C-alpha atoms as a PDB file:
ATOM      1  CA  MET A   1     -28.723  41.294 202.108  1.00  0.00           C
ATOM      2  CA  LEU A   2     -28.303  42.489 205.684  1.00  0.00           C
ATOM      3  CA  ALA A   3     -27.543  39.727 208.168  1.00  0.00           C
ATOM      4  CA  THR A   4     -30.472  39.559 210.622  1.00  0.00           C
ATOM      5  CA  LYS A   5     -29.946  36.069 212.036  1.00  0.00           C
ATOM      6  CA  GLY A   6     -31.375  35.727 215.538  1.00  0.00           C
ATOM      7  CA  MET A   7     -33.617  38.806 215.272  1.00  0.00           C
ATOM      8  CA  ARG A   8     -37.331  38.632 216.059  1.00  0.00           C
ATOM      9  CA  PHE A   9     -38.394  40.789 213.133  1.00  0.00           C
ATOM     10  CA  PRO A  10     -38.010  40.187 209.382  1.00  0.00           C
ATOM     11  CA  ILE A  11     -35.673  42.341 207.332  1.00  0.00           C
ATOM     12  CA  ASP A  12     -38.589  44.167 205.657  1.00  0.00           C
ATOM     13  CA  VAL A  13     -39.754  45.552 209.008  1.00  0.00           C
ATOM     14  CA  ILE A  14     -36.220  46.580 210.002  1.00  0.00           C
ATOM     15  CA  LEU A  15     -35.595  48.384 206.699  1.00  0.00           C
ATOM     16  CA  VAL A  16     -38.894  50.274 206.827  1.00  0.00           C
ATOM     17  CA  CYS A  17     -38.183  51.485 210.357  1.00  0.00           C
ATOM     18  CA  ILE A  18     -34.618  52.661 209.752  1.00  0.00           C
ATOM     19  CA  ARG A  19     -35.508  54.273 206.401  1.00  0.00           C
ATOM     20  CA  TRP A  20     -38.327  56.269 207.947  1.00  0.00           C
ATOM     21  CA  TYR A  21     -36.088  57.290 210.830  1.00  0.00           C
ATOM     22  CA  ALA A  22     -33.281  58.480 208.536  1.00  0.00           C
ATOM     23  CA  ALA A  23     -35.556  60.158 205.993  1.00  0.00           C
ATOM     24  CA  TYR A  24     -38.186  61.947 208.064  1.00  0.00           C
ATOM     25  CA  PRO A  25     -38.366  64.105 211.233  1.00  0.00           C
ATOM     26  CA  LEU A  26     -39.476  61.301 213.548  1.00  0.00           C
ATOM     27  CA  SER A  27     -38.414  60.041 216.951  1.00  0.00           C
ATOM     28  CA  TYR A  28     -38.045  56.362 217.840  1.00  0.00           C
ATOM     29  CA  ARG A  29     -41.253  56.586 219.878  1.00  0.00           C
ATOM     30  CA  HIS A  30     -43.107  58.022 216.865  1.00  0.00           C
ATOM     31  CA  LEU A  31     -41.990  54.998 214.875  1.00  0.00           C
ATOM     32  CA  GLU A  32     -43.044  52.631 217.638  1.00  0.00           C
ATOM     33  CA  GLU A  33     -46.579  54.074 217.495  1.00  0.00           C
ATOM     34  CA  MET A  34     -46.670  54.054 213.683  1.00  0.00           C
ATOM     35  CA  MET A  35     -45.660  50.391 213.533  1.00  0.00           C
ATOM     36  CA  GLN A  36     -48.249  49.457 216.191  1.00  0.00           C
ATOM     37  CA  GLU A  37     -50.934  51.033 214.000  1.00  0.00           C
ATOM     38  CA  ARG A  38     -49.790  48.601 211.297  1.00  0.00           C
ATOM     39  CA  GLY A  39     -49.984  45.614 213.620  1.00  0.00           C
ATOM     40  CA  VAL A  40     -46.242  45.370 214.298  1.00  0.00           C
ATOM     41  CA  PHE A  41     -45.345  45.673 217.983  1.00  0.00           C
ATOM     42  CA  VAL A  42     -41.709  46.735 218.162  1.00  0.00           C
ATOM     43  CA  ASP A  43     -40.091  48.636 221.014  1.00  0.00           C
ATOM     44  CA  HIS A  44     -38.452  51.980 220.252  1.00  0.00           C
ATOM     45  CA  SER A  45     -35.185  50.719 221.749  1.00  0.00           C
ATOM     46  CA  SER A  46     -35.069  47.951 219.133  1.00  0.00           C
ATOM     47  CA  ILE A  47     -35.412  50.518 216.350  1.00  0.00           C
ATOM     48  CA  ASN A  48     -32.575  52.474 217.949  1.00  0.00           C
ATOM     49  CA  ARG A  49     -30.319  49.406 217.855  1.00  0.00           C
ATOM     50  CA  TRP A  50     -31.249  48.671 214.242  1.00  0.00           C
ATOM     51  CA  ALA A  51     -30.455  52.225 213.159  1.00  0.00           C
ATOM     52  CA  ILE A  52     -27.042  52.207 214.849  1.00  0.00           C
ATOM     53  CA  ARG A  53     -26.193  48.763 213.473  1.00  0.00           C
ATOM     54  CA  PHE A  54     -27.430  48.962 209.891  1.00  0.00           C
ATOM     55  CA  LEU A  55     -27.459  52.598 208.713  1.00  0.00           C
ATOM     56  CA  PRO A  56     -23.640  52.972 208.555  1.00  0.00           C
ATOM     57  CA  LEU A  57     -23.410  49.669 206.632  1.00  0.00           C
ATOM     58  CA  LEU A  58     -25.856  50.964 204.043  1.00  0.00           C
ATOM     59  CA  GLU A  59     -24.008  54.279 203.753  1.00  0.00           C
ATOM     60  CA  LYS A  60     -20.734  52.398 203.247  1.00  0.00           C
ATOM     61  CA  VAL A  61     -22.223  50.395 200.381  1.00  0.00           C
ATOM     62  CA  PHE A  62     -23.709  53.557 198.880  1.00  0.00           C
ATOM     63  CA  ARG A  63     -20.231  55.071 198.599  1.00  0.00           C
ATOM     64  CA  LYS A  64     -19.318  52.366 196.083  1.00  0.00           C
ATOM     65  CA  HIS A  65     -22.155  53.576 193.846  1.00  0.00           C
ATOM     66  CA  LYS A  66     -22.012  57.317 194.561  1.00  0.00           C
ATOM     67  CA  ARG A  67     -21.837  59.635 191.576  1.00  0.00           C
ATOM     68  CA  PRO A  68     -18.593  61.672 191.434  1.00  0.00           C
ATOM     69  CA  ALA A  69     -18.766  65.154 192.939  1.00  0.00           C
ATOM     70  CA  GLY A  70     -17.710  68.268 191.037  1.00  0.00           C
ATOM     71  CA  GLY A  71     -14.340  69.935 191.485  1.00  0.00           C
ATOM     72  CA  SER A  72     -15.610  73.126 193.139  1.00  0.00           C
ATOM     73  CA  TRP A  73     -16.493  72.526 196.802  1.00  0.00           C
ATOM     74  CA  ARG A  74     -18.407  74.604 199.341  1.00  0.00           C
ATOM     75  CA  MET A  75     -17.419  73.578 202.877  1.00  0.00           C
ATOM     76  CA  ASP A  76     -18.980  74.550 206.210  1.00  0.00           C
ATOM     77  CA  GLU A  77     -19.991  73.015 209.538  1.00  0.00           C
ATOM     78  CA  THR A  78     -23.256  72.867 211.453  1.00  0.00           C
ATOM     79  CA  TYR A  79     -24.079  72.041 215.077  1.00  0.00           C
ATOM     80  CA  ILE A  80     -25.331  68.687 216.381  1.00  0.00           C
ATOM     81  CA  LYS A  81     -26.206  68.186 220.068  1.00  0.00           C
ATOM     82  CA  VAL A  82     -24.745  65.065 221.723  1.00  0.00           C
ATOM     83  CA  LYS A  83     -25.485  64.436 225.428  1.00  0.00           C
ATOM     84  CA  GLY A  84     -26.489  68.071 225.781  1.00  0.00           C
ATOM     85  CA  VAL A  85     -23.229  69.384 224.281  1.00  0.00           C
ATOM     86  CA  TRP A  86     -22.842  70.890 220.811  1.00  0.00           C
ATOM     87  CA  LYS A  87     -20.623  68.948 218.407  1.00  0.00           C
ATOM     88  CA  TYR A  88     -19.726  69.818 214.844  1.00  0.00           C
ATOM     89  CA  LEU A  89     -20.841  68.207 211.600  1.00  0.00           C
ATOM     90  CA  TYR A  90     -18.430  69.208 208.834  1.00  0.00           C
ATOM     91  CA  ARG A  91     -20.019  69.000 205.383  1.00  0.00           C
ATOM     92  CA  ALA A  92     -19.146  69.888 201.809  1.00  0.00           C
ATOM     93  CA  VAL A  93     -21.208  70.085 198.631  1.00  0.00           C
ATOM     94  CA  ASP A  94     -20.172  70.881 195.074  1.00  0.00           C
ATOM     95  CA  LYS A  95     -21.454  73.890 193.147  1.00  0.00           C
ATOM     96  CA  GLU A  96     -24.500  71.887 192.028  1.00  0.00           C
ATOM     97  CA  GLY A  97     -25.393  71.097 195.642  1.00  0.00           C
ATOM     98  CA  LYS A  98     -24.390  67.427 195.499  1.00  0.00           C
ATOM     99  CA  THR A  99     -22.915  66.087 198.747  1.00  0.00           C
ATOM    100  CA  VAL A 100     -19.146  65.605 198.667  1.00  0.00           C
ATOM    101  CA  ASP A 101     -18.646  64.253 202.199  1.00  0.00           C
ATOM    102  CA  PHE A 102     -19.391  64.762 205.905  1.00  0.00           C
ATOM    103  CA  LEU A 103     -17.702  64.147 209.259  1.00  0.00           C
ATOM    104  CA  LEU A 104     -18.887  64.545 212.862  1.00  0.00           C
ATOM    105  CA  THR A 105     -16.184  65.929 215.167  1.00  0.00           C
ATOM    106  CA  ALA A 106     -15.973  66.797 218.852  1.00  0.00           C
ATOM    107  CA  ARG A 107     -14.079  70.035 218.230  1.00  0.00           C
ATOM    108  CA  ARG A 108     -13.999  72.815 215.689  1.00  0.00           C
ATOM    109  CA  ASP A 109     -10.302  73.374 215.040  1.00  0.00           C
ATOM    110  CA  LYS A 110      -7.573  72.842 212.465  1.00  0.00           C
ATOM    111  CA  ALA A 111      -7.163  69.141 213.313  1.00  0.00           C
ATOM    112  CA  ALA A 112     -10.890  68.500 212.833  1.00  0.00           C
ATOM    113  CA  ALA A 113     -10.970  70.394 209.529  1.00  0.00           C
ATOM    114  CA  LEU A 114      -7.886  68.511 208.355  1.00  0.00           C
ATOM    115  CA  ARG A 115      -9.515  65.156 209.153  1.00  0.00           C
ATOM    116  CA  PHE A 116     -12.551  66.187 207.156  1.00  0.00           C
ATOM    117  CA  PHE A 117     -10.543  67.281 204.123  1.00  0.00           C
ATOM    118  CA  ASP A 118      -8.413  64.130 204.200  1.00  0.00           C
ATOM    119  CA  LYS A 119     -11.552  61.963 204.331  1.00  0.00           C
ATOM    120  CA  ALA A 120     -13.285  63.892 201.548  1.00  0.00           C
ATOM    121  CA  MET A 121     -10.259  63.946 199.256  1.00  0.00           C
ATOM    122  CA  LYS A 122      -9.573  60.252 199.775  1.00  0.00           C
ATOM    123  CA  ALA A 123     -13.106  59.470 198.612  1.00  0.00           C
ATOM    124  CA  SER A 124     -13.647  62.174 195.969  1.00  0.00           C
ATOM    125  CA  GLY A 125     -10.191  63.268 194.875  1.00  0.00           C
ATOM    126  CA  VAL A 126      -8.519  66.647 195.212  1.00  0.00           C
ATOM    127  CA  PRO A 127     -10.817  69.527 194.180  1.00  0.00           C
ATOM    128  CA  GLU A 128      -9.861  72.479 192.021  1.00  0.00           C
ATOM    129  CA  LYS A 129     -11.428  75.023 194.394  1.00  0.00           C
ATOM    130  CA  VAL A 130     -12.685  75.089 197.959  1.00  0.00           C
ATOM    131  CA  THR A 131     -14.902  77.898 199.257  1.00  0.00           C
ATOM    132  CA  LEU A 132     -14.751  78.512 203.019  1.00  0.00           C
ATOM    133  CA  ASP A 133     -16.164  80.964 205.521  1.00  0.00           C
ATOM    134  CA  LYS A 134     -13.884  83.207 207.593  1.00  0.00           C
ATOM    135  CA  SER A 135     -12.758  80.359 209.868  1.00  0.00           C
ATOM    136  CA  GLY A 136      -9.010  80.511 210.412  1.00  0.00           C
ATOM    137  CA  ALA A 137      -8.903  76.823 211.385  1.00  0.00           C
ATOM    138  CA  LYS A 138     -10.270  75.657 208.026  1.00  0.00           C
ATOM    139  CA  LYS A 139      -7.948  77.988 206.138  1.00  0.00           C
ATOM    140  CA  ALA A 140      -4.973  76.653 208.144  1.00  0.00           C
ATOM    141  CA  ALA A 141      -6.005  73.086 207.286  1.00  0.00           C
ATOM    142  CA  MET A 142      -6.159  73.906 203.585  1.00  0.00           C
ATOM    143  CA  ASP A 143      -2.784  75.671 203.762  1.00  0.00           C
ATOM    144  CA  GLU A 144      -1.270  72.480 205.188  1.00  0.00           C
ATOM    145  CA  ILE A 145      -2.876  70.374 202.459  1.00  0.00           C
ATOM    146  CA  ASN A 146      -1.579  72.742 199.782  1.00  0.00           C
ATOM    147  CA  ALA A 147       1.903  72.696 201.313  1.00  0.00           C
ATOM    148  CA  ARG A 148       2.138  68.921 200.985  1.00  0.00           C
ATOM    149  CA  GLY A 149       0.372  68.539 197.634  1.00  0.00           C
ATOM    150  CA  GLU A 150       1.723  68.765 194.123  1.00  0.00           C
ATOM    151  CA  LYS A 151      -1.286  70.622 192.717  1.00  0.00           C
ATOM    152  CA  PRO A 152      -2.491  73.516 194.893  1.00  0.00           C
ATOM    153  CA  VAL A 153      -6.189  73.913 195.624  1.00  0.00           C
ATOM    154  CA  ILE A 154      -7.623  77.383 195.117  1.00  0.00           C
ATOM    155  CA  VAL A 155      -9.087  78.600 198.434  1.00  0.00           C
ATOM    156  CA  ARG A 156     -11.828  81.228 198.294  1.00  0.00           C
ATOM    157  CA  LYS A 157     -13.650  83.146 201.004  1.00  0.00           C
ATOM    158  CA  VAL A 158     -16.752  84.445 199.244  1.00  0.00           C
ATOM    159  CA  LYS A 159     -19.673  84.434 201.670  1.00  0.00           C
ATOM    160  CA  TYR A 160     -22.542  84.163 199.184  1.00  0.00           C
ATOM    161  CA  PHE A 161     -20.868  81.190 197.438  1.00  0.00           C
ATOM    162  CA  ASN A 162     -21.350  79.220 200.665  1.00  0.00           C
ATOM    163  CA  ASN A 163     -25.109  79.786 200.663  1.00  0.00           C
ATOM    164  CA  ILE A 164     -25.430  76.442 198.867  1.00  0.00           C
ATOM    165  CA  VAL A 165     -23.967  74.394 201.708  1.00  0.00           C
ATOM    166  CA  GLU A 166     -25.668  76.497 204.397  1.00  0.00           C
ATOM    167  CA  GLN A 167     -29.044  75.821 202.755  1.00  0.00           C
ATOM    168  CA  ASP A 168     -28.133  72.140 202.422  1.00  0.00           C
ATOM    169  CA  HIS A 169     -27.583  71.905 206.192  1.00  0.00           C
ATOM    170  CA  ARG A 170     -31.308  72.519 206.638  1.00  0.00           C
ATOM    171  CA  ALA A 171     -32.255  69.104 205.247  1.00  0.00           C
ATOM    172  CA  ILE A 172     -30.093  67.417 207.896  1.00  0.00           C
ATOM    173  CA  LYS A 173     -31.249  69.675 210.737  1.00  0.00           C
ATOM    174  CA  ARG A 174     -34.890  69.122 209.774  1.00  0.00           C
ATOM    175  CA  VAL A 175     -34.512  65.415 210.558  1.00  0.00           C
ATOM    176  CA  THR A 176     -32.262  65.683 213.633  1.00  0.00           C
ATOM    177  CA  ARG A 177     -34.396  68.375 215.298  1.00  0.00           C
ATOM    178  CA  HIS A 178     -37.036  65.814 216.290  1.00  0.00           C
ATOM    179  CA  MET A 179     -34.498  63.346 217.672  1.00  0.00           C
ATOM    180  CA  LEU A 180     -34.115  65.428 220.859  1.00  0.00           C
ATOM    181  CA  GLY A 181     -30.337  65.058 220.875  1.00  0.00           C
ATOM    182  CA  PHE A 182     -28.102  62.000 220.711  1.00  0.00           C
ATOM    183  CA  LYS A 183     -27.051  59.998 223.763  1.00  0.00           C
ATOM    184  CA  SER A 184     -23.537  59.171 222.533  1.00  0.00           C
ATOM    185  CA  PHE A 185     -21.048  60.428 219.970  1.00  0.00           C
ATOM    186  CA  ARG A 186     -20.804  56.963 218.409  1.00  0.00           C
ATOM    187  CA  ALA A 187     -24.564  56.689 217.957  1.00  0.00           C
ATOM    188  CA  ALA A 188     -24.736  60.205 216.515  1.00  0.00           C
ATOM    189  CA  ALA A 189     -22.060  59.453 213.911  1.00  0.00           C
ATOM    190  CA  LYS A 190     -23.779  56.236 212.820  1.00  0.00           C
ATOM    191  CA  VAL A 191     -27.277  57.696 212.579  1.00  0.00           C
ATOM    192  CA  LEU A 192     -26.030  60.802 210.781  1.00  0.00           C
ATOM    193  CA  ALA A 193     -24.481  58.514 208.165  1.00  0.00           C
ATOM    194  CA  GLY A 194     -27.982  57.197 207.466  1.00  0.00           C
ATOM    195  CA  ILE A 195     -29.515  60.673 207.340  1.00  0.00           C
ATOM    196  CA  GLU A 196     -26.833  61.824 204.901  1.00  0.00           C
ATOM    197  CA  LEU A 197     -27.415  58.654 202.873  1.00  0.00           C
ATOM    198  CA  MET A 198     -31.120  59.383 202.415  1.00  0.00           C
ATOM    199  CA  HIS A 199     -30.326  63.006 201.568  1.00  0.00           C
ATOM    200  CA  MET A 200     -27.864  61.917 198.857  1.00  0.00           C
ATOM    201  CA  ILE A 201     -30.375  59.445 197.402  1.00  0.00           C
ATOM    202  CA  ARG A 202     -32.937  62.264 197.184  1.00  0.00           C
ATOM    203  CA  LYS A 203     -30.385  64.379 195.333  1.00  0.00           C
ATOM    204  CA  GLY A 204     -29.940  61.683 192.706  1.00  0.00           C
ATOM    205  CA  GLN A 205     -26.436  60.668 193.706  1.00  0.00           C
ATOM    206  CA  MET A 206     -26.999  56.914 193.382  1.00  0.00           C
ATOM    207  CA  ALA A 207     -25.201  55.569 190.300  1.00  0.00           C
ATOM    208  CA  LEU A 208     -26.527  51.977 190.329  1.00  0.00           C
ATOM    209  CA  LYS A 209     -28.001  51.248 186.888  1.00  0.00           C
ATOM    210  CA  SER A 210     -30.551  48.902 188.434  1.00  0.00           C
ATOM    211  CA  CYS A 211     -31.932  51.874 190.404  1.00  0.00           C
ATOM    212  CA  GLU A 212     -32.687  54.090 187.419  1.00  0.00           C
ATOM    213  CA  GLY A 213     -36.303  55.211 187.553  1.00  0.00           C
ATOM    214  CA  MET A 214     -36.815  53.756 191.028  1.00  0.00           C
ATOM    215  CA  SER A 215     -38.402  55.641 193.910  1.00  0.00           C
ATOM    216  CA  TYR A 216     -36.117  56.839 196.720  1.00  0.00           C
ATOM    217  CA  ALA A 217     -37.487  54.095 198.961  1.00  0.00           C
ATOM    218  CA  ASN A 218     -36.737  51.323 196.479  1.00  0.00           C
ATOM    219  CA  GLN A 219     -33.230  52.674 195.905  1.00  0.00           C
ATOM    220  CA  PHE A 220     -32.654  52.383 199.647  1.00  0.00           C
ATOM    221  CA  TYR A 221     -33.962  48.804 199.724  1.00  0.00           C
ATOM    222  CA  THR A 222     -31.786  47.900 196.726  1.00  0.00           C
ATOM    223  CA  LEU A 223     -28.728  48.969 198.715  1.00  0.00           C
ATOM    224  CA  ALA A 224     -29.620  46.430 201.399  1.00  0.00           C
ATOM    225  CA  GLY A 225     -29.558  43.728 198.743  1.00  0.00           C
ATOM    226  CA  GLU A 226     -25.996  44.770 197.831  1.00  0.00           C
ATOM    227  CA  ILE A 227     -24.691  43.852 201.296  1.00  0.00           C
ATOM    228  CA  ARG A 228     -23.300  40.366 201.622  1.00  0.00           C
ATOM    229  CA  PRO A 229     -23.695  38.560 204.967  1.00  0.00           C
ATOM    230  CA  ALA A 230     -20.450  38.186 206.935  1.00  0.00           C
END
């Protein structure tokens, strides 16, 4: 269970607030009003702190129970505004639309693409194929990976193949659009981990046997029970 020692509010209230924030297009002030209607008076800044503190912990635990992704990846990036400046959320899904991995970066270049691929391959293994857009930076990153690997990855540039990941971006943008931008890169990365977590749960990527047949909400709450206090 999440460690909430010293906090004014019980864990049930905290989990409801951060789940709603990560799952639905709501601002912190929306949540403040919604909780007040339920007789819980919590400031929006408290919900902000809870999201930044607990969402990445839950996403980390989820990775231990994440279903394996397929070997054919579709990779692309989308834009996320941080302090009024566009940053880049690299994402990949397999051919079935299941999330492979994601990474928020400050730049869109070879180094950023390489960091994403290294992170994704460490977690999900080396794919058989990767479909990219016409970005030279991503192709250069894959060329470097192929140069140092024993088994080359097939790199394809077929635009309509990437429709899957481009459509998948919409679920993330739908939630972030109402957040009115992030105030820091660190906060953005942590909250996006929670948004991606809820998106993966919706796509049936939780492999915990105890969660079979559960609602998305209860799967999320079960994850909290998997965390051991420090």
